[in-house]
Amino acid sequence: MFLIEYKLDKAGWAFGKIGNTEREVKVVVSYLHDSLQELAQSAIDIKSKNSRRVVFMDEPGEYILHLNRVDDTKLCYELRWYDDWFSWGMYPEDKFTLELSGETTVCKYINQVRQLLLDLRAKHTEEEYRELWIEHPFPTKEFNQLNS
């Protein structure tokens, strides 16, 4: 089993969960990085690319979800915690704590991300999303691609 959740909170913050049958990790996400757009794009790209990563930036630190497609159906993932922003070159790549790892299917991952976007879209208009997420609009282009 693979689970990913993402919900907007007060302005500039979101909360999520990434988990499997063994463990769930709560992630706090700052508006400083457009994590939702990157997550949506990862679901599109993982069909044709062997790997992707998604940054969930906190203040300070960040989680990075590494995705590696093994074949057309199998997807391996790792969720790594960095004490500072590796994605901005402020922390060494090899200094992380492995919080979660496992396997899922490419289809399951894509559907989890699609459902997450559908849930957000049902709860917030694009204008409400922009007010809460400040710097970044709702990833409409990616949303439409995943739903076509």
Foldseek 3Di string as FASTA:
>chain_A
DWAKAWAFDAAFWIWMWTDDPVDIDIAIAGLVDPQLLQLLVCLVCVQPDQKGKGWRQDVAWIWIKIWGAPDNWKIKIWIWIDRGDVVVVPGDPVPTDTDDIDMDTSVVSLVNSLVNLVVHVVVDPQVRQCRRSVPDTRNVVSNVVSVD
